[in-house]
Full PDB file with SEQRES, HELIX, SHEET, SSBOND, CRYST1, ORIGX, SCALE, CONECT and MASTER records, all heavy atoms in Angstrom:
SEQRES   1 A   32  PHE SER ILE ASN ALA MET GLY TRP TYR ARG GLN ALA PRO          
SEQRES   2 A   32  GLY LYS GLN ARG GLU LEU VAL ALA ALA ILE SER ARG GLY          
SEQRES   3 A   32  GLY SER THR MET TYR ALA                                      
SHEET    1 AA1 3 MET A   6  ARG A  10  0                                        
SHEET    2 AA1 3 GLU A  18  ILE A  23 -1                                        
SHEET    3 AA1 3 THR A  29  TYR A  31 -1                                        
CRYST1    1.000    1.000    1.000  90.00  90.00  90.00 P 1           1          
ORIGX1      1.000000  0.000000  0.000000        0.00000                         
ORIGX2      0.000000  1.000000  0.000000        0.00000                         
ORIGX3      0.000000  0.000000  1.000000        0.00000                         
SCALE1      1.000000  0.000000  0.000000        0.00000                         
SCALE2      0.000000  1.000000  0.000000        0.00000                         
SCALE3      0.000000  0.000000  1.000000        0.00000                         
ATOM      1  N   PHE A   1       0.821  -1.215  -0.032  1.00  0.00           N  
ATOM      2  CA  PHE A   1      -0.014  -0.017   0.021  1.00  0.00           C  
ATOM      3  C   PHE A   1       0.814   1.258  -0.006  1.00  0.00           C  
ATOM      4  O   PHE A   1       0.582   2.181  -0.776  1.00  0.00           O  
ATOM      5  CB  PHE A   1      -0.961   0.012   1.203  1.00  0.00           C  
ATOM      6  CG  PHE A   1      -1.701   1.297   1.354  1.00  0.00           C  
ATOM      7  CD1 PHE A   1      -2.897   1.491   0.654  1.00  0.00           C  
ATOM      8  CD2 PHE A   1      -1.282   2.269   2.208  1.00  0.00           C  
ATOM      9  CE1 PHE A   1      -3.635   2.643   0.778  1.00  0.00           C  
ATOM     10  CE2 PHE A   1      -1.998   3.470   2.348  1.00  0.00           C  
ATOM     11  CZ  PHE A   1      -3.163   3.667   1.669  1.00  0.00           C  
ATOM     12  N   SER A   2       1.838   1.305   0.839  1.00  0.00           N  
ATOM     13  CA  SER A   2       2.589   2.539   1.046  1.00  0.00           C  
ATOM     14  C   SER A   2       3.438   2.916  -0.157  1.00  0.00           C  
ATOM     15  O   SER A   2       3.887   4.083  -0.221  1.00  0.00           O  
ATOM     16  CB  SER A   2       3.478   2.402   2.299  1.00  0.00           C  
ATOM     17  OG  SER A   2       4.454   1.434   2.135  1.00  0.00           O  
ATOM     18  N   ILE A   3       3.685   2.047  -1.078  1.00  0.00           N  
ATOM     19  CA  ILE A   3       4.499   2.349  -2.223  1.00  0.00           C  
ATOM     20  C   ILE A   3       3.691   2.670  -3.461  1.00  0.00           C  
ATOM     21  O   ILE A   3       4.250   3.006  -4.530  1.00  0.00           O  
ATOM     22  CB  ILE A   3       5.503   1.241  -2.538  1.00  0.00           C  
ATOM     23  CG1 ILE A   3       4.782  -0.049  -3.027  1.00  0.00           C  
ATOM     24  CG2 ILE A   3       6.379   0.914  -1.356  1.00  0.00           C  
ATOM     25  CD1 ILE A   3       5.743  -1.118  -3.548  1.00  0.00           C  
ATOM     26  N   ASN A   4       2.389   2.587  -3.378  1.00  0.00           N  
ATOM     27  CA  ASN A   4       1.491   2.893  -4.500  1.00  0.00           C  
ATOM     28  C   ASN A   4       0.841   4.254  -4.399  1.00  0.00           C  
ATOM     29  O   ASN A   4       0.466   4.662  -3.332  1.00  0.00           O  
ATOM     30  CB  ASN A   4       0.395   1.787  -4.584  1.00  0.00           C  
ATOM     31  CG  ASN A   4       0.864   0.441  -5.015  1.00  0.00           C  
ATOM     32  OD1 ASN A   4       1.811   0.359  -5.817  1.00  0.00           O  
ATOM     33  ND2 ASN A   4       0.263  -0.568  -4.461  1.00  0.00           N  
ATOM     34  N   ALA A   5       0.681   4.898  -5.554  1.00  0.00           N  
ATOM     35  CA  ALA A   5      -0.236   6.003  -5.574  1.00  0.00           C  
ATOM     36  C   ALA A   5      -1.660   5.431  -5.429  1.00  0.00           C  
ATOM     37  O   ALA A   5      -1.950   4.332  -5.923  1.00  0.00           O  
ATOM     38  CB  ALA A   5      -0.121   6.756  -6.898  1.00  0.00           C  
ATOM     39  N   MET A   6      -2.542   6.187  -4.794  1.00  0.00           N  
ATOM     40  CA  MET A   6      -3.954   5.736  -4.568  1.00  0.00           C  
ATOM     41  C   MET A   6      -4.897   6.804  -5.125  1.00  0.00           C  
ATOM     42  O   MET A   6      -4.559   7.999  -5.194  1.00  0.00           O  
ATOM     43  CB  MET A   6      -4.228   5.537  -3.125  1.00  0.00           C  
ATOM     44  CG  MET A   6      -3.403   4.410  -2.463  1.00  0.00           C  
ATOM     45  SD  MET A   6      -3.796   2.791  -3.133  1.00  0.00           S  
ATOM     46  CE  MET A   6      -5.502   2.612  -2.593  1.00  0.00           C  
ATOM     47  N   GLY A   7      -6.096   6.357  -5.514  1.00  0.00           N  
ATOM     48  CA  GLY A   7      -7.047   7.223  -6.090  1.00  0.00           C  
ATOM     49  C   GLY A   7      -8.481   6.902  -5.641  1.00  0.00           C  
ATOM     50  O   GLY A   7      -8.764   5.797  -5.192  1.00  0.00           O  
ATOM     51  N   TRP A   8      -9.298   7.924  -5.701  1.00  0.00           N  
ATOM     52  CA  TRP A   8     -10.734   7.752  -5.568  1.00  0.00           C  
ATOM     53  C   TRP A   8     -11.378   7.875  -6.957  1.00  0.00           C  
ATOM     54  O   TRP A   8     -11.045   8.783  -7.703  1.00  0.00           O  
ATOM     55  CB  TRP A   8     -11.374   8.778  -4.622  1.00  0.00           C  
ATOM     56  CG  TRP A   8     -11.153   8.439  -3.195  1.00  0.00           C  
ATOM     57  CD1 TRP A   8     -10.200   8.850  -2.331  1.00  0.00           C  
ATOM     58  CD2 TRP A   8     -11.976   7.546  -2.405  1.00  0.00           C  
ATOM     59  NE1 TRP A   8     -10.354   8.324  -1.099  1.00  0.00           N  
ATOM     60  CE2 TRP A   8     -11.463   7.479  -1.109  1.00  0.00           C  
ATOM     61  CE3 TRP A   8     -13.129   6.798  -2.696  1.00  0.00           C  
ATOM     62  CZ2 TRP A   8     -12.043   6.690  -0.085  1.00  0.00           C  
ATOM     63  CZ3 TRP A   8     -13.726   6.006  -1.696  1.00  0.00           C  
ATOM     64  CH2 TRP A   8     -13.141   5.998  -0.401  1.00  0.00           C  
ATOM     65  N   TYR A   9     -12.236   6.940  -7.258  1.00  0.00           N  
ATOM     66  CA  TYR A   9     -12.951   6.872  -8.518  1.00  0.00           C  
ATOM     67  C   TYR A   9     -14.455   6.925  -8.257  1.00  0.00           C  
ATOM     68  O   TYR A   9     -14.888   6.575  -7.176  1.00  0.00           O  
ATOM     69  CB  TYR A   9     -12.620   5.637  -9.296  1.00  0.00           C  
ATOM     70  CG  TYR A   9     -11.135   5.423  -9.555  1.00  0.00           C  
ATOM     71  CD1 TYR A   9     -10.308   4.932  -8.498  1.00  0.00           C  
ATOM     72  CD2 TYR A   9     -10.554   5.711 -10.771  1.00  0.00           C  
ATOM     73  CE1 TYR A   9      -8.948   4.738  -8.770  1.00  0.00           C  
ATOM     74  CE2 TYR A   9      -9.222   5.526 -11.002  1.00  0.00           C  
ATOM     75  CZ  TYR A   9      -8.433   5.066 -10.006  1.00  0.00           C  
ATOM     76  OH  TYR A   9      -7.050   4.871 -10.208  1.00  0.00           O  
ATOM     77  N   ARG A  10     -15.233   7.296  -9.251  1.00  0.00           N  
ATOM     78  CA  ARG A  10     -16.690   7.300  -9.114  1.00  0.00           C  
ATOM     79  C   ARG A  10     -17.333   6.867 -10.411  1.00  0.00           C  
ATOM     80  O   ARG A  10     -16.775   7.053 -11.469  1.00  0.00           O  
ATOM     81  CB  ARG A  10     -17.251   8.557  -8.618  1.00  0.00           C  
ATOM     82  CG  ARG A  10     -17.183   9.724  -9.622  1.00  0.00           C  
ATOM     83  CD  ARG A  10     -17.691  11.034  -8.995  1.00  0.00           C  
ATOM     84  NE  ARG A  10     -17.646  12.151  -9.926  1.00  0.00           N  
ATOM     85  CZ  ARG A  10     -17.854  13.374  -9.582  1.00  0.00           C  
ATOM     86  NH1 ARG A  10     -18.153  13.736  -8.290  1.00  0.00           N  
ATOM     87  NH2 ARG A  10     -17.824  14.346 -10.514  1.00  0.00           N  
ATOM     88  N   GLN A  11     -18.489   6.238 -10.246  1.00  0.00           N  
ATOM     89  CA  GLN A  11     -19.276   5.852 -11.431  1.00  0.00           C  
ATOM     90  C   GLN A  11     -20.723   6.275 -11.182  1.00  0.00           C  
ATOM     91  O   GLN A  11     -21.416   5.771 -10.304  1.00  0.00           O  
ATOM     92  CB  GLN A  11     -19.181   4.354 -11.696  1.00  0.00           C  
ATOM     93  CG  GLN A  11     -19.889   3.943 -12.970  1.00  0.00           C  
ATOM     94  CD  GLN A  11     -19.481   2.522 -13.419  1.00  0.00           C  
ATOM     95  OE1 GLN A  11     -19.091   1.694 -12.609  1.00  0.00           O  
ATOM     96  NE2 GLN A  11     -19.625   2.238 -14.715  1.00  0.00           N  
ATOM     97  N   ALA A  12     -21.199   7.255 -11.972  1.00  0.00           N  
ATOM     98  CA  ALA A  12     -22.548   7.682 -11.939  1.00  0.00           C  
ATOM     99  C   ALA A  12     -23.384   6.857 -12.904  1.00  0.00           C  
ATOM    100  O   ALA A  12     -22.841   6.272 -13.840  1.00  0.00           O  
ATOM    101  CB  ALA A  12     -22.628   9.189 -12.311  1.00  0.00           C  
ATOM    102  N   PRO A  13     -24.709   6.820 -12.706  1.00  0.00           N  
ATOM    103  CA  PRO A  13     -25.576   6.058 -13.589  1.00  0.00           C  
ATOM    104  C   PRO A  13     -25.390   6.493 -15.037  1.00  0.00           C  
ATOM    105  O   PRO A  13     -25.415   7.703 -15.395  1.00  0.00           O  
ATOM    106  CB  PRO A  13     -26.969   6.394 -13.114  1.00  0.00           C  
ATOM    107  CG  PRO A  13     -26.812   6.738 -11.672  1.00  0.00           C  
ATOM    108  CD  PRO A  13     -25.470   7.441 -11.630  1.00  0.00           C  
ATOM    109  N   GLY A  14     -25.139   5.475 -15.928  1.00  0.00           N  
ATOM    110  CA  GLY A  14     -25.032   5.779 -17.364  1.00  0.00           C  
ATOM    111  C   GLY A  14     -23.700   6.339 -17.770  1.00  0.00           C  
ATOM    112  O   GLY A  14     -23.494   6.687 -18.943  1.00  0.00           O  
ATOM    113  N   LYS A  15     -22.747   6.432 -16.862  1.00  0.00           N  
ATOM    114  CA  LYS A  15     -21.444   6.992 -17.190  1.00  0.00           C  
ATOM    115  C   LYS A  15     -20.314   6.003 -16.838  1.00  0.00           C  
ATOM    116  O   LYS A  15     -20.515   5.076 -16.024  1.00  0.00           O  
ATOM    117  CB  LYS A  15     -21.184   8.305 -16.423  1.00  0.00           C  
ATOM    118  CG  LYS A  15     -22.228   9.386 -16.706  1.00  0.00           C  
ATOM    119  CD  LYS A  15     -21.865  10.680 -15.978  1.00  0.00           C  
ATOM    120  CE  LYS A  15     -20.600  11.280 -16.503  1.00  0.00           C  
ATOM    121  NZ  LYS A  15     -20.325  12.616 -15.809  1.00  0.00           N  
ATOM    122  N   GLN A  16     -19.164   6.173 -17.456  1.00  0.00           N  
ATOM    123  CA  GLN A  16     -18.019   5.325 -17.173  1.00  0.00           C  
ATOM    124  C   GLN A  16     -17.369   5.712 -15.867  1.00  0.00           C  
ATOM    125  O   GLN A  16     -17.492   6.880 -15.373  1.00  0.00           O  
ATOM    126  CB  GLN A  16     -17.007   5.422 -18.326  1.00  0.00           C  
ATOM    127  CG  GLN A  16     -17.464   4.883 -19.652  1.00  0.00           C  
ATOM    128  CD  GLN A  16     -16.409   4.909 -20.718  1.00  0.00           C  
ATOM    129  OE1 GLN A  16     -15.305   5.439 -20.452  1.00  0.00           O  
ATOM    130  NE2 GLN A  16     -16.663   4.319 -21.858  1.00  0.00           N  
ATOM    131  N   ARG A  17     -16.706   4.770 -15.261  1.00  0.00           N  
ATOM    132  CA  ARG A  17     -15.924   5.043 -14.055  1.00  0.00           C  
ATOM    133  C   ARG A  17     -14.825   6.026 -14.307  1.00  0.00           C  
ATOM    134  O   ARG A  17     -14.088   5.880 -15.338  1.00  0.00           O  
ATOM    135  CB  ARG A  17     -15.381   3.758 -13.477  1.00  0.00           C  
ATOM    136  CG  ARG A  17     -14.896   3.864 -12.040  1.00  0.00           C  
ATOM    137  CD  ARG A  17     -14.613   2.481 -11.463  1.00  0.00           C  
ATOM    138  NE  ARG A  17     -15.865   1.650 -11.415  1.00  0.00           N  
ATOM    139  CZ  ARG A  17     -15.928   0.422 -10.955  1.00  0.00           C  
ATOM    140  NH1 ARG A  17     -14.850  -0.171 -10.484  1.00  0.00           N  
ATOM    141  NH2 ARG A  17     -17.128  -0.212 -10.959  1.00  0.00           N  
ATOM    142  N   GLU A  18     -14.678   7.034 -13.473  1.00  0.00           N  
ATOM    143  CA  GLU A  18     -13.660   8.057 -13.686  1.00  0.00           C  
ATOM    144  C   GLU A  18     -12.880   8.360 -12.442  1.00  0.00           C  
ATOM    145  O   GLU A  18     -13.365   8.162 -11.306  1.00  0.00           O  
ATOM    146  CB  GLU A  18     -14.379   9.359 -14.184  1.00  0.00           C  
ATOM    147  CG  GLU A  18     -15.251   9.926 -13.121  1.00  0.00           C  
ATOM    148  CD  GLU A  18     -15.858  11.309 -13.541  1.00  0.00           C  
ATOM    149  OE1 GLU A  18     -15.375  11.891 -14.533  1.00  0.00           O  
ATOM    150  OE2 GLU A  18     -16.805  11.771 -12.875  1.00  0.00           O  
ATOM    151  N   LEU A  19     -11.636   8.769 -12.632  1.00  0.00           N  
ATOM    152  CA  LEU A  19     -10.822   9.190 -11.548  1.00  0.00           C  
ATOM    153  C   LEU A  19     -11.188  10.599 -11.124  1.00  0.00           C  
ATOM    154  O   LEU A  19     -11.274  11.503 -11.965  1.00  0.00           O  
ATOM    155  CB  LEU A  19      -9.331   9.167 -11.977  1.00  0.00           C  
ATOM    156  CG  LEU A  19      -8.348   9.673 -10.938  1.00  0.00           C  
ATOM    157  CD1 LEU A  19      -8.204   8.656  -9.784  1.00  0.00           C  
ATOM    158  CD2 LEU A  19      -6.945   9.856 -11.612  1.00  0.00           C  
ATOM    159  N   VAL A  20     -11.420  10.785  -9.814  1.00  0.00           N  
ATOM    160  CA  VAL A  20     -11.775  12.097  -9.323  1.00  0.00           C  
ATOM    161  C   VAL A  20     -10.636  12.715  -8.475  1.00  0.00           C  
ATOM    162  O   VAL A  20     -10.547  13.974  -8.365  1.00  0.00           O  
ATOM    163  CB  VAL A  20     -13.059  12.098  -8.487  1.00  0.00           C  
ATOM    164  CG1 VAL A  20     -14.207  11.710  -9.384  1.00  0.00           C  
ATOM    165  CG2 VAL A  20     -13.018  11.213  -7.303  1.00  0.00           C  
ATOM    166  N   ALA A  21      -9.807  11.880  -7.842  1.00  0.00           N  
ATOM    167  CA  ALA A  21      -8.702  12.434  -7.048  1.00  0.00           C  
ATOM    168  C   ALA A  21      -7.645  11.345  -6.911  1.00  0.00           C  
ATOM    169  O   ALA A  21      -7.961  10.158  -6.873  1.00  0.00           O  
ATOM    170  CB  ALA A  21      -9.180  12.865  -5.630  1.00  0.00           C  
ATOM    171  N   ALA A  22      -6.346  11.733  -6.836  1.00  0.00           N  
ATOM    172  CA  ALA A  22      -5.314  10.815  -6.675  1.00  0.00           C  
ATOM    173  C   ALA A  22      -4.244  11.385  -5.744  1.00  0.00           C  
ATOM    174  O   ALA A  22      -4.100  12.641  -5.633  1.00  0.00           O  
ATOM    175  CB  ALA A  22      -4.630  10.420  -8.029  1.00  0.00           C  
ATOM    176  N   ILE A  23      -3.523  10.548  -5.035  1.00  0.00           N  
ATOM    177  CA  ILE A  23      -2.469  10.995  -4.155  1.00  0.00           C  
ATOM    178  C   ILE A  23      -1.285  10.042  -4.309  1.00  0.00           C  
ATOM    179  O   ILE A  23      -1.404   8.815  -4.316  1.00  0.00           O  
ATOM    180  CB  ILE A  23      -2.998  10.974  -2.716  1.00  0.00           C  
ATOM    181  CG1 ILE A  23      -1.891  11.548  -1.744  1.00  0.00           C  
ATOM    182  CG2 ILE A  23      -3.520   9.618  -2.216  1.00  0.00           C  
ATOM    183  CD1 ILE A  23      -2.423  11.907  -0.360  1.00  0.00           C  
ATOM    184  N   SER A  24      -0.129  10.623  -4.504  1.00  0.00           N  
ATOM    185  CA  SER A  24       1.136   9.852  -4.665  1.00  0.00           C  
ATOM    186  C   SER A  24       1.559   9.241  -3.340  1.00  0.00           C  
ATOM    187  O   SER A  24       1.048   9.606  -2.280  1.00  0.00           O  
ATOM    188  CB  SER A  24       2.213  10.736  -5.257  1.00  0.00           C  
ATOM    189  OG  SER A  24       2.702  11.590  -4.270  1.00  0.00           O  
ATOM    190  N   ARG A  25       2.497   8.347  -3.456  1.00  0.00           N  
ATOM    191  CA  ARG A  25       3.030   7.750  -2.202  1.00  0.00           C  
ATOM    192  C   ARG A  25       3.689   8.783  -1.277  1.00  0.00           C  
ATOM    193  O   ARG A  25       3.784   8.571  -0.088  1.00  0.00           O  
ATOM    194  CB  ARG A  25       3.968   6.617  -2.534  1.00  0.00           C  
ATOM    195  CG  ARG A  25       5.241   7.044  -3.293  1.00  0.00           C  
ATOM    196  CD  ARG A  25       6.092   5.836  -3.658  1.00  0.00           C  
ATOM    197  NE  ARG A  25       7.283   6.201  -4.371  1.00  0.00           N  
ATOM    198  CZ  ARG A  25       8.193   5.319  -4.835  1.00  0.00           C  
ATOM    199  NH1 ARG A  25       8.039   4.038  -4.608  1.00  0.00           N  
ATOM    200  NH2 ARG A  25       9.268   5.772  -5.461  1.00  0.00           N  
ATOM    201  N   GLY A  26       4.124   9.872  -1.851  1.00  0.00           N  
ATOM    202  CA  GLY A  26       4.702  10.932  -1.100  1.00  0.00           C  
ATOM    203  C   GLY A  26       3.783  12.039  -0.628  1.00  0.00           C  
ATOM    204  O   GLY A  26       4.202  12.940   0.053  1.00  0.00           O  
ATOM    205  N   GLY A  27       2.519  11.952  -1.072  1.00  0.00           N  
ATOM    206  CA  GLY A  27       1.502  12.884  -0.622  1.00  0.00           C  
ATOM    207  C   GLY A  27       1.110  14.006  -1.542  1.00  0.00           C  
ATOM    208  O   GLY A  27       0.277  14.849  -1.233  1.00  0.00           O  
ATOM    209  N   SER A  28       1.651  13.988  -2.761  1.00  0.00           N  
ATOM    210  CA  SER A  28       1.198  14.944  -3.774  1.00  0.00           C  
ATOM    211  C   SER A  28      -0.212  14.584  -4.232  1.00  0.00           C  
ATOM    212  O   SER A  28      -0.557  13.403  -4.304  1.00  0.00           O  
ATOM    213  CB  SER A  28       2.132  14.970  -4.943  1.00  0.00           C  
ATOM    214  OG  SER A  28       3.430  15.398  -4.558  1.00  0.00           O  
ATOM    215  N   THR A  29      -1.015  15.589  -4.533  1.00  0.00           N  
ATOM    216  CA  THR A  29      -2.463  15.334  -4.884  1.00  0.00           C  
ATOM    217  C   THR A  29      -2.786  15.919  -6.238  1.00  0.00           C  
ATOM    218  O   THR A  29      -2.168  16.901  -6.695  1.00  0.00           O  
ATOM    219  CB  THR A  29      -3.370  15.906  -3.820  1.00  0.00           C  
ATOM    220  OG1 THR A  29      -3.138  17.314  -3.684  1.00  0.00           O  
ATOM    221  CG2 THR A  29      -3.122  15.212  -2.491  1.00  0.00           C  
ATOM    222  N   MET A  30      -3.785  15.344  -6.855  1.00  0.00           N  
ATOM    223  CA  MET A  30      -4.373  15.876  -8.113  1.00  0.00           C  
ATOM    224  C   MET A  30      -5.875  15.602  -8.081  1.00  0.00           C  
ATOM    225  O   MET A  30      -6.353  14.679  -7.432  1.00  0.00           O  
ATOM    226  CB  MET A  30      -3.746  15.227  -9.314  1.00  0.00           C  
ATOM    227  CG  MET A  30      -3.852  13.717  -9.405  1.00  0.00           C  
ATOM    228  SD  MET A  30      -3.164  13.007 -10.958  1.00  0.00           S  
ATOM    229  CE  MET A  30      -4.411  13.581 -12.127  1.00  0.00           C  
ATOM    230  N   TYR A  31      -6.603  16.468  -8.826  1.00  0.00           N  
ATOM    231  CA  TYR A  31      -8.087  16.330  -8.789  1.00  0.00           C  
ATOM    232  C   TYR A  31      -8.609  16.562 -10.178  1.00  0.00           C  
ATOM    233  O   TYR A  31      -8.071  17.327 -10.990  1.00  0.00           O  
ATOM    234  CB  TYR A  31      -8.645  17.401  -7.859  1.00  0.00           C  
ATOM    235  CG  TYR A  31      -8.213  17.262  -6.442  1.00  0.00           C  
ATOM    236  CD1 TYR A  31      -7.097  17.951  -5.978  1.00  0.00           C  
ATOM    237  CD2 TYR A  31      -8.887  16.453  -5.544  1.00  0.00           C  
ATOM    238  CE1 TYR A  31      -6.630  17.843  -4.652  1.00  0.00           C  
ATOM    239  CE2 TYR A  31      -8.441  16.273  -4.222  1.00  0.00           C  
ATOM    240  CZ  TYR A  31      -7.315  17.029  -3.810  1.00  0.00           C  
ATOM    241  OH  TYR A  31      -6.881  16.891  -2.508  1.00  0.00           O  
ATOM    242  N   ALA A  32      -9.795  15.953 -10.447  1.00  0.00           N  
ATOM    243  CA  ALA A  32     -10.523  16.226 -11.635  1.00  0.00           C  
ATOM    244  C   ALA A  32     -11.076  17.656 -11.501  1.00  0.00           C  
ATOM    245  O   ALA A  32     -11.369  18.147 -10.441  1.00  0.00           O  
ATOM    246  CB  ALA A  32     -11.671  15.249 -11.839  1.00  0.00           C  
TER     247      ALA A  32                                                      
MASTER        0    0    0    0    3    0    0    6  246    1    0    3          
END                                                                             
């Protein structure tokens, strides 16, 4: 776990699953 970047994804009705936020193993973040 600690060596992987992690993300939150979401899937709304009728839509594809998408990345909404990610965080690197060092704590950097990115957002949709």
